[in-house]
Amino acid sequence: MSDQTQYLDLPGGRLAYDDSGEGQLIVCLPSMLDTRSQLRFLKPALVGAGYRVVTVDQRGMGETSADWPAYGSTPLAHDLMALLRHLDAGPALVYGCSNGAAAAVYAAAEAPELVKGLVLAAPFVRDGKAGLAQKLTMALFRIPGLAVPLYMSYYPKWEPKRPADFDEHAAQLKANLKEHGRGKVIASYMSMSHAEAEARLDKVTAPVLVIMGTGDIDWPDPAAEAEWVAGRLDGEVVLLDGAGHHPHVEFPAEITEAVRAFDAGI
């Protein structure tokens, strides 16, 4: 397998992914409004642990085409199922971060034959309750010219233990968001719902591992949210002290070990 970008043409757009390593397939989805290079530390760690690792650019991001008829966790779930069928490598592990976790839940419920197990990192599998300040912020994301600088000003809060290449990755992400045709992507993702994933939680039969950082600012009590998700899915929980909303950026080795232990038990 090669790190070279590959493409899957789907109704509405072209999905970009890369495919590395040999062994049990694990498909990794980054969080919303980021590129698959968010997984730049986890991918080689998993390959070194004996996995075949596919990382994916979500709709509108990275090398995936910009203009799609819809964005969000449910459309991503359909892209994931199409990709798993295209790869045709048997039931896969799916590592989904944030809205990628919602997509993983949806796919596991709708196509259980494709999914061996779910690793849900910083999972949004239900809609949070937005306060007035958050609602006002979301409104600002819809104003042309404000969305990208506002989003990039918030981005560092998701990685409190910033890696050495944080500034380089942030600059590449900002440039990607400013490319032609990607102007509506931020507003589209900010208004998405995970209700369809929540409605399918009881249909998931695949084993589940929930990974949550105690420093994840997207939840008032990250540990409590992790326990809620695991309780609904009869899953296990791994808490990473101080990790933010992208725990694989900050703790790739620990997550790799957790994935290996989880996989060995299913």
C-alpha atoms as a PDB file:
ATOM      1  CA  MET A   1       0.000   0.000   0.000  1.00  0.00           C
ATOM      2  CA  SER A   2       1.049   3.600  -0.575  1.00  0.00           C
ATOM      3  CA  ASP A   3       0.589   7.005   1.037  1.00  0.00           C
ATOM      4  CA  GLN A   4      -0.273   8.426  -2.385  1.00  0.00           C
ATOM      5  CA  THR A   5      -3.692  10.062  -2.545  1.00  0.00           C
ATOM      6  CA  GLN A   6      -6.410   7.895  -4.044  1.00  0.00           C
ATOM      7  CA  TYR A   7      -9.904   8.934  -5.055  1.00  0.00           C
ATOM      8  CA  LEU A   8     -13.360   7.428  -4.972  1.00  0.00           C
ATOM      9  CA  ASP A   9     -15.955   9.046  -7.222  1.00  0.00           C
ATOM     10  CA  LEU A  10     -19.330   9.229  -5.498  1.00  0.00           C
ATOM     11  CA  PRO A  11     -22.663  10.827  -6.395  1.00  0.00           C
ATOM     12  CA  GLY A  12     -22.073  14.512  -5.706  1.00  0.00           C
ATOM     13  CA  GLY A  13     -18.302  14.587  -5.440  1.00  0.00           C
ATOM     14  CA  ARG A  14     -14.899  12.890  -5.220  1.00  0.00           C
ATOM     15  CA  LEU A  15     -13.591  11.467  -1.926  1.00  0.00           C
ATOM     16  CA  ALA A  16      -9.835  11.577  -1.238  1.00  0.00           C
ATOM     17  CA  TYR A  17      -8.042   9.042   0.940  1.00  0.00           C
ATOM     18  CA  ASP A  18      -4.705   7.311   1.398  1.00  0.00           C
ATOM     19  CA  ASP A  19      -3.960   3.680   2.132  1.00  0.00           C
ATOM     20  CA  SER A  20      -0.874   2.507   4.068  1.00  0.00           C
ATOM     21  CA  GLY A  21       0.394  -0.679   5.666  1.00  0.00           C
ATOM     22  CA  GLU A  22      -0.744  -4.286   5.726  1.00  0.00           C
ATOM     23  CA  GLY A  23      -3.005  -6.212   8.066  1.00  0.00           C
ATOM     24  CA  GLN A  24      -6.379  -5.607   9.661  1.00  0.00           C
ATOM     25  CA  LEU A  25      -8.018  -2.602   7.986  1.00  0.00           C
ATOM     26  CA  ILE A  26      -8.762   0.457  10.103  1.00  0.00           C
ATOM     27  CA  VAL A  27     -10.399   3.436   8.418  1.00  0.00           C
ATOM     28  CA  CYS A  28      -9.731   6.716  10.222  1.00  0.00           C
ATOM     29  CA  LEU A  29     -11.930   9.798   9.995  1.00  0.00           C
ATOM     30  CA  PRO A  30     -10.640  13.146  11.304  1.00  0.00           C
ATOM     31  CA  SER A  31     -12.881  15.667  13.008  1.00  0.00           C
ATOM     32  CA  MET A  32     -14.964  18.146  11.037  1.00  0.00           C
ATOM     33  CA  LEU A  33     -13.280  21.033   9.260  1.00  0.00           C
ATOM     34  CA  ASP A  34      -9.845  19.476   9.291  1.00  0.00           C
ATOM     35  CA  THR A  35      -7.842  17.454   6.801  1.00  0.00           C
ATOM     36  CA  ARG A  36      -6.756  13.850   7.079  1.00  0.00           C
ATOM     37  CA  SER A  37      -3.278  15.075   8.023  1.00  0.00           C
ATOM     38  CA  GLN A  38      -4.803  15.592  11.471  1.00  0.00           C
ATOM     39  CA  LEU A  39      -4.064  11.847  11.696  1.00  0.00           C
ATOM     40  CA  ARG A  40      -0.409  12.335  10.732  1.00  0.00           C
ATOM     41  CA  PHE A  41       0.914  10.905  14.012  1.00  0.00           C
ATOM     42  CA  LEU A  42      -1.639   8.144  14.532  1.00  0.00           C
ATOM     43  CA  LYS A  43      -1.337   6.679  11.031  1.00  0.00           C
ATOM     44  CA  PRO A  44       2.343   5.665  11.215  1.00  0.00           C
ATOM     45  CA  ALA A  45       1.882   4.411  14.765  1.00  0.00           C
ATOM     46  CA  LEU A  46      -0.953   2.121  13.665  1.00  0.00           C
ATOM     47  CA  VAL A  47       0.956   0.985  10.565  1.00  0.00           C
ATOM     48  CA  GLY A  48       3.897   0.151  12.834  1.00  0.00           C
ATOM     49  CA  ALA A  49       1.536  -1.880  15.002  1.00  0.00           C
ATOM     50  CA  GLY A  50       0.584  -4.042  12.021  1.00  0.00           C
ATOM     51  CA  TYR A  51      -2.520  -2.356  10.644  1.00  0.00           C
ATOM     52  CA  ARG A  52      -3.597  -1.338   7.177  1.00  0.00           C
ATOM     53  CA  VAL A  53      -4.595   2.289   7.720  1.00  0.00           C
ATOM     54  CA  VAL A  54      -6.852   4.354   5.463  1.00  0.00           C
ATOM     55  CA  THR A  55      -7.290   8.027   6.313  1.00  0.00           C
ATOM     56  CA  VAL A  56     -10.026  10.094   4.671  1.00  0.00           C
ATOM     57  CA  ASP A  57     -10.663  13.747   3.867  1.00  0.00           C
ATOM     58  CA  GLN A  58     -14.257  14.644   4.732  1.00  0.00           C
ATOM     59  CA  ARG A  59     -16.499  16.369   2.216  1.00  0.00           C
ATOM     60  CA  GLY A  60     -15.275  19.859   1.401  1.00  0.00           C
ATOM     61  CA  MET A  61     -11.876  19.368   3.035  1.00  0.00           C
ATOM     62  CA  GLY A  62      -8.315  18.541   2.018  1.00  0.00           C
ATOM     63  CA  GLU A  63      -8.088  16.879  -1.382  1.00  0.00           C
ATOM     64  CA  THR A  64     -11.738  15.815  -1.367  1.00  0.00           C
ATOM     65  CA  SER A  65     -13.792  17.956  -3.737  1.00  0.00           C
ATOM     66  CA  ALA A  66     -15.242  21.163  -2.313  1.00  0.00           C
ATOM     67  CA  ASP A  67     -18.796  21.320  -3.617  1.00  0.00           C
ATOM     68  CA  TRP A  68     -21.246  18.673  -2.360  1.00  0.00           C
ATOM     69  CA  PRO A  69     -25.032  18.693  -2.126  1.00  0.00           C
ATOM     70  CA  ALA A  70     -24.813  18.152   1.655  1.00  0.00           C
ATOM     71  CA  TYR A  71     -22.223  18.067   4.447  1.00  0.00           C
ATOM     72  CA  GLY A  72     -22.207  16.587   7.947  1.00  0.00           C
ATOM     73  CA  SER A  73     -22.074  13.358   9.893  1.00  0.00           C
ATOM     74  CA  THR A  74     -24.854  11.550   8.013  1.00  0.00           C
ATOM     75  CA  PRO A  75     -23.477  12.273   4.518  1.00  0.00           C
ATOM     76  CA  LEU A  76     -20.048  11.238   5.841  1.00  0.00           C
ATOM     77  CA  ALA A  77     -21.561   7.946   7.031  1.00  0.00           C
ATOM     78  CA  HIS A  78     -22.757   7.197   3.511  1.00  0.00           C
ATOM     79  CA  ASP A  79     -19.292   8.062   2.158  1.00  0.00           C
ATOM     80  CA  LEU A  80     -17.749   5.729   4.745  1.00  0.00           C
ATOM     81  CA  MET A  81     -20.004   2.831   3.774  1.00  0.00           C
ATOM     82  CA  ALA A  82     -19.229   3.385   0.093  1.00  0.00           C
ATOM     83  CA  LEU A  83     -15.500   3.452   0.824  1.00  0.00           C
ATOM     84  CA  LEU A  84     -15.613   0.272   2.926  1.00  0.00           C
ATOM     85  CA  ARG A  85     -17.431  -1.509   0.107  1.00  0.00           C
ATOM     86  CA  HIS A  86     -14.926  -0.158  -2.413  1.00  0.00           C
ATOM     87  CA  LEU A  87     -11.944  -1.343  -0.332  1.00  0.00           C
ATOM     88  CA  ASP A  88     -13.586  -4.780  -0.038  1.00  0.00           C
ATOM     89  CA  ALA A  89     -11.225  -5.924   2.727  1.00  0.00           C
ATOM     90  CA  GLY A  90     -13.728  -7.522   5.075  1.00  0.00           C
ATOM     91  CA  PRO A  91     -15.118  -5.996   8.261  1.00  0.00           C
ATOM     92  CA  ALA A  92     -12.965  -3.025   9.280  1.00  0.00           C
ATOM     93  CA  LEU A  93     -12.204  -1.174  12.438  1.00  0.00           C
ATOM     94  CA  VAL A  94     -13.391   2.425  12.171  1.00  0.00           C
ATOM     95  CA  TYR A  95     -11.688   5.233  14.085  1.00  0.00           C
ATOM     96  CA  GLY A  96     -13.911   8.308  14.046  1.00  0.00           C
ATOM     97  CA  CYS A  97     -13.191  11.620  15.756  1.00  0.00           C
ATOM     98  CA  SER A  98     -15.940  14.117  16.666  1.00  0.00           C
ATOM     99  CA  ASN A  99     -18.529  14.027  13.861  1.00  0.00           C
ATOM    100  CA  GLY A 100     -16.503  11.156  12.410  1.00  0.00           C
ATOM    101  CA  ALA A 101     -17.695   9.170  15.431  1.00  0.00           C
ATOM    102  CA  ALA A 102     -21.313   9.922  14.526  1.00  0.00           C
ATOM    103  CA  ALA A 103     -20.652   8.725  10.988  1.00  0.00           C
ATOM    104  CA  ALA A 104     -19.065   5.541  12.337  1.00  0.00           C
ATOM    105  CA  VAL A 105     -22.104   4.837  14.550  1.00  0.00           C
ATOM    106  CA  TYR A 106     -24.504   5.385  11.641  1.00  0.00           C
ATOM    107  CA  ALA A 107     -22.477   3.071   9.366  1.00  0.00           C
ATOM    108  CA  ALA A 108     -22.213   0.340  12.006  1.00  0.00           C
ATOM    109  CA  ALA A 109     -25.983   0.446  12.546  1.00  0.00           C
ATOM    110  CA  GLU A 110     -26.908   0.464   8.862  1.00  0.00           C
ATOM    111  CA  ALA A 111     -24.227  -1.900   7.519  1.00  0.00           C
ATOM    112  CA  PRO A 112     -22.998  -4.095  10.394  1.00  0.00           C
ATOM    113  CA  GLU A 113     -21.334  -6.508   7.970  1.00  0.00           C
ATOM    114  CA  LEU A 114     -18.796  -3.784   7.133  1.00  0.00           C
ATOM    115  CA  VAL A 115     -17.699  -2.946  10.683  1.00  0.00           C
ATOM    116  CA  LYS A 116     -15.647  -5.113  13.045  1.00  0.00           C
ATOM    117  CA  GLY A 117     -15.409  -2.535  15.810  1.00  0.00           C
ATOM    118  CA  LEU A 118     -15.697   1.196  16.529  1.00  0.00           C
ATOM    119  CA  VAL A 119     -13.131   3.462  18.154  1.00  0.00           C
ATOM    120  CA  LEU A 120     -14.922   6.726  18.918  1.00  0.00           C
ATOM    121  CA  ALA A 121     -12.604   9.607  19.795  1.00  0.00           C
ATOM    122  CA  ALA A 122     -14.024  12.821  21.281  1.00  0.00           C
ATOM    123  CA  PRO A 123     -17.366  11.534  20.022  1.00  0.00           C
ATOM    124  CA  PHE A 124     -20.275  13.696  18.978  1.00  0.00           C
ATOM    125  CA  VAL A 125     -23.017  11.102  18.620  1.00  0.00           C
ATOM    126  CA  ARG A 126     -25.775  13.431  19.818  1.00  0.00           C
ATOM    127  CA  ASP A 127     -26.450  17.150  19.580  1.00  0.00           C
ATOM    128  CA  GLY A 128     -25.183  19.252  22.465  1.00  0.00           C
ATOM    129  CA  LYS A 129     -27.311  21.957  24.029  1.00  0.00           C
ATOM    130  CA  ALA A 130     -26.070  25.314  22.738  1.00  0.00           C
ATOM    131  CA  GLY A 131     -26.174  28.348  24.999  1.00  0.00           C
ATOM    132  CA  LEU A 132     -26.745  31.919  23.843  1.00  0.00           C
ATOM    133  CA  ALA A 133     -23.026  32.648  23.375  1.00  0.00           C
ATOM    134  CA  GLN A 134     -22.564  29.537  21.262  1.00  0.00           C
ATOM    135  CA  LYS A 135     -25.616  30.371  19.158  1.00  0.00           C
ATOM    136  CA  LEU A 136     -24.253  33.857  18.505  1.00  0.00           C
ATOM    137  CA  THR A 137     -20.889  32.402  17.530  1.00  0.00           C
ATOM    138  CA  MET A 138     -22.559  30.003  15.104  1.00  0.00           C
ATOM    139  CA  ALA A 139     -24.345  32.948  13.500  1.00  0.00           C
ATOM    140  CA  LEU A 140     -21.004  34.690  12.953  1.00  0.00           C
ATOM    141  CA  PHE A 141     -19.703  31.653  11.068  1.00  0.00           C
ATOM    142  CA  ARG A 142     -22.283  32.393   8.378  1.00  0.00           C
ATOM    143  CA  ILE A 143     -20.926  35.872   7.657  1.00  0.00           C
ATOM    144  CA  PRO A 144     -18.672  35.910   4.563  1.00  0.00           C
ATOM    145  CA  GLY A 145     -15.137  36.924   5.437  1.00  0.00           C
ATOM    146  CA  LEU A 146     -15.477  36.070   9.138  1.00  0.00           C
ATOM    147  CA  ALA A 147     -15.827  32.294   9.028  1.00  0.00           C
ATOM    148  CA  VAL A 148     -12.206  31.313   8.326  1.00  0.00           C
ATOM    149  CA  PRO A 149     -10.460  33.744  10.738  1.00  0.00           C
ATOM    150  CA  LEU A 150     -13.021  33.004  13.451  1.00  0.00           C
ATOM    151  CA  TYR A 151     -12.633  29.257  13.021  1.00  0.00           C
ATOM    152  CA  MET A 152      -8.834  29.432  12.999  1.00  0.00           C
ATOM    153  CA  SER A 153      -8.855  31.557  16.165  1.00  0.00           C
ATOM    154  CA  TYR A 154     -10.830  28.802  17.892  1.00  0.00           C
ATOM    155  CA  TYR A 155      -8.819  25.888  16.483  1.00  0.00           C
ATOM    156  CA  PRO A 156      -5.928  25.996  19.023  1.00  0.00           C
ATOM    157  CA  LYS A 157      -8.374  25.345  21.866  1.00  0.00           C
ATOM    158  CA  TRP A 158      -8.873  21.816  20.519  1.00  0.00           C
ATOM    159  CA  GLU A 159      -5.195  20.910  20.952  1.00  0.00           C
ATOM    160  CA  PRO A 160      -4.069  22.214  24.369  1.00  0.00           C
ATOM    161  CA  LYS A 161      -0.900  20.082  24.207  1.00  0.00           C
ATOM    162  CA  ARG A 162       0.181  21.454  20.868  1.00  0.00           C
ATOM    163  CA  PRO A 163       2.585  19.354  18.778  1.00  0.00           C
ATOM    164  CA  ALA A 164       5.785  20.890  17.441  1.00  0.00           C
ATOM    165  CA  ASP A 165       4.297  21.260  13.946  1.00  0.00           C
ATOM    166  CA  PHE A 166       1.049  22.862  15.130  1.00  0.00           C
ATOM    167  CA  ASP A 167       1.639  26.185  13.343  1.00  0.00           C
ATOM    168  CA  GLU A 168       2.530  24.450  10.078  1.00  0.00           C
ATOM    169  CA  HIS A 169      -0.575  22.276  10.154  1.00  0.00           C
ATOM    170  CA  ALA A 170      -2.802  25.250  11.070  1.00  0.00           C
ATOM    171  CA  ALA A 171      -1.385  27.278   8.165  1.00  0.00           C
ATOM    172  CA  GLN A 172      -2.067  24.423   5.726  1.00  0.00           C
ATOM    173  CA  LEU A 173      -5.600  24.054   7.058  1.00  0.00           C
ATOM    174  CA  LYS A 174      -6.270  27.783   6.737  1.00  0.00           C
ATOM    175  CA  ALA A 175      -5.015  27.744   3.146  1.00  0.00           C
ATOM    176  CA  ASN A 176      -7.262  24.782   2.363  1.00  0.00           C
ATOM    177  CA  LEU A 177     -10.328  26.534   3.786  1.00  0.00           C
ATOM    178  CA  LYS A 178      -9.608  29.595   1.661  1.00  0.00           C
ATOM    179  CA  GLU A 179      -9.452  27.647  -1.596  1.00  0.00           C
ATOM    180  CA  HIS A 180     -12.037  28.414  -4.246  1.00  0.00           C
ATOM    181  CA  GLY A 181     -15.382  26.759  -3.627  1.00  0.00           C
ATOM    182  CA  ARG A 182     -14.866  26.011   0.061  1.00  0.00           C
ATOM    183  CA  GLY A 183     -16.512  29.162   1.381  1.00  0.00           C
ATOM    184  CA  LYS A 184     -19.760  27.487   2.431  1.00  0.00           C
ATOM    185  CA  VAL A 185     -18.120  24.493   4.078  1.00  0.00           C
ATOM    186  CA  ILE A 186     -17.614  26.010   7.543  1.00  0.00           C
ATOM    187  CA  ALA A 187     -21.188  27.230   7.904  1.00  0.00           C
ATOM    188  CA  SER A 188     -22.511  23.894   6.620  1.00  0.00           C
ATOM    189  CA  TYR A 189     -20.614  21.855   9.181  1.00  0.00           C
ATOM    190  CA  MET A 190     -21.367  24.233  12.029  1.00  0.00           C
ATOM    191  CA  SER A 191     -25.094  23.757  11.479  1.00  0.00           C
ATOM    192  CA  MET A 192     -25.074  19.963  11.124  1.00  0.00           C
ATOM    193  CA  SER A 193     -27.001  17.622  13.413  1.00  0.00           C
ATOM    194  CA  HIS A 194     -26.009  14.250  14.858  1.00  0.00           C
ATOM    195  CA  ALA A 195     -29.605  13.270  15.620  1.00  0.00           C
ATOM    196  CA  GLU A 196     -29.604  10.484  13.046  1.00  0.00           C
ATOM    197  CA  ALA A 197     -26.584   8.891  14.727  1.00  0.00           C
ATOM    198  CA  GLU A 198     -28.203   9.140  18.150  1.00  0.00           C
ATOM    199  CA  ALA A 199     -31.358   7.512  16.792  1.00  0.00           C
ATOM    200  CA  ARG A 200     -29.263   4.500  15.726  1.00  0.00           C
ATOM    201  CA  LEU A 201     -27.234   3.972  18.912  1.00  0.00           C
ATOM    202  CA  ASP A 202     -29.396   1.045  20.008  1.00  0.00           C
ATOM    203  CA  LYS A 203     -28.917  -0.668  16.638  1.00  0.00           C
ATOM    204  CA  VAL A 204     -25.124  -0.886  16.922  1.00  0.00           C
ATOM    205  CA  THR A 205     -23.893  -4.407  17.638  1.00  0.00           C
ATOM    206  CA  ALA A 206     -20.173  -3.915  16.972  1.00  0.00           C
ATOM    207  CA  PRO A 207     -17.812  -3.640  19.970  1.00  0.00           C
ATOM    208  CA  VAL A 208     -17.032  -0.037  20.927  1.00  0.00           C
ATOM    209  CA  LEU A 209     -14.093   1.787  22.501  1.00  0.00           C
ATOM    210  CA  VAL A 210     -14.637   5.418  23.540  1.00  0.00           C
ATOM    211  CA  ILE A 211     -11.575   7.671  23.826  1.00  0.00           C
ATOM    212  CA  MET A 212     -11.962  11.066  25.476  1.00  0.00           C
ATOM    213  CA  GLY A 213      -9.544  13.733  26.608  1.00  0.00           C
ATOM    214  CA  THR A 214     -10.223  15.367  29.941  1.00  0.00           C
ATOM    215  CA  GLY A 215      -9.243  18.700  28.359  1.00  0.00           C
ATOM    216  CA  ASP A 216     -11.858  18.537  25.597  1.00  0.00           C
ATOM    217  CA  ILE A 217     -13.633  21.905  25.749  1.00  0.00           C
ATOM    218  CA  ASP A 218     -16.534  20.791  23.571  1.00  0.00           C
ATOM    219  CA  TRP A 219     -18.225  19.148  26.554  1.00  0.00           C
ATOM    220  CA  PRO A 220     -18.859  20.665  30.011  1.00  0.00           C
ATOM    221  CA  ASP A 221     -17.885  17.280  31.523  1.00  0.00           C
ATOM    222  CA  PRO A 222     -15.918  15.194  28.995  1.00  0.00           C
ATOM    223  CA  ALA A 223     -15.665  12.148  31.262  1.00  0.00           C
ATOM    224  CA  ALA A 224     -19.421  12.131  31.839  1.00  0.00           C
ATOM    225  CA  GLU A 225     -20.076  12.348  28.097  1.00  0.00           C
ATOM    226  CA  ALA A 226     -17.677   9.469  27.442  1.00  0.00           C
ATOM    227  CA  GLU A 227     -19.486   7.345  30.023  1.00  0.00           C
ATOM    228  CA  TRP A 228     -22.857   8.241  28.491  1.00  0.00           C
ATOM    229  CA  VAL A 229     -21.711   7.197  25.011  1.00  0.00           C
ATOM    230  CA  ALA A 230     -20.141   3.992  26.306  1.00  0.00           C
ATOM    231  CA  GLY A 231     -23.254   3.216  28.325  1.00  0.00           C
ATOM    232  CA  ARG A 232     -25.504   3.539  25.289  1.00  0.00           C
ATOM    233  CA  LEU A 233     -23.186   1.352  23.204  1.00  0.00           C
ATOM    234  CA  ASP A 234     -22.052  -1.123  25.877  1.00  0.00           C
ATOM    235  CA  GLY A 235     -18.503   0.054  25.266  1.00  0.00           C
ATOM    236  CA  GLU A 236     -15.246   0.651  27.090  1.00  0.00           C
ATOM    237  CA  VAL A 237     -13.774   4.062  27.993  1.00  0.00           C
ATOM    238  CA  VAL A 238     -10.206   5.324  27.852  1.00  0.00           C
ATOM    239  CA  LEU A 239      -9.668   8.781  29.369  1.00  0.00           C
ATOM    240  CA  LEU A 240      -6.529  10.702  28.403  1.00  0.00           C
ATOM    241  CA  ASP A 241      -5.503  13.265  30.979  1.00  0.00           C
ATOM    242  CA  GLY A 242      -5.308  16.752  29.505  1.00  0.00           C
ATOM    243  CA  ALA A 243      -6.006  15.722  25.898  1.00  0.00           C
ATOM    244  CA  GLY A 244      -8.223  17.970  23.806  1.00  0.00           C
ATOM    245  CA  HIS A 245     -10.683  17.347  21.001  1.00  0.00           C
ATOM    246  CA  HIS A 246      -8.041  15.782  18.728  1.00  0.00           C
ATOM    247  CA  PRO A 247      -6.542  13.236  21.154  1.00  0.00           C
ATOM    248  CA  HIS A 248      -4.679  11.343  18.407  1.00  0.00           C
ATOM    249  CA  VAL A 249      -2.577  14.453  17.755  1.00  0.00           C
ATOM    250  CA  GLU A 250      -1.440  14.607  21.353  1.00  0.00           C
ATOM    251  CA  PHE A 251      -1.387  10.930  22.427  1.00  0.00           C
ATOM    252  CA  PRO A 252      -0.880   8.757  19.314  1.00  0.00           C
ATOM    253  CA  ALA A 253       1.156   6.083  21.100  1.00  0.00           C
ATOM    254  CA  GLU A 254      -1.371   5.686  23.900  1.00  0.00           C
ATOM    255  CA  ILE A 255      -4.242   5.481  21.435  1.00  0.00           C
ATOM    256  CA  THR A 256      -2.404   2.907  19.331  1.00  0.00           C
ATOM    257  CA  GLU A 257      -1.933   0.698  22.387  1.00  0.00           C
ATOM    258  CA  ALA A 258      -5.585   1.134  23.316  1.00  0.00           C
ATOM    259  CA  VAL A 259      -6.643   0.151  19.784  1.00  0.00           C
ATOM    260  CA  ARG A 260      -4.399  -2.939  19.844  1.00  0.00           C
ATOM    261  CA  ALA A 261      -5.796  -4.078  23.183  1.00  0.00           C
ATOM    262  CA  PHE A 262      -9.352  -3.420  22.052  1.00  0.00           C
ATOM    263  CA  ASP A 263      -8.850  -5.264  18.755  1.00  0.00           C
ATOM    264  CA  ALA A 264      -7.274  -8.235  20.510  1.00  0.00           C
ATOM    265  CA  GLY A 265     -10.374  -8.603  22.653  1.00  0.00           C
ATOM    266  CA  ILE A 266     -12.970  -8.688  19.867  1.00  0.00           C
END
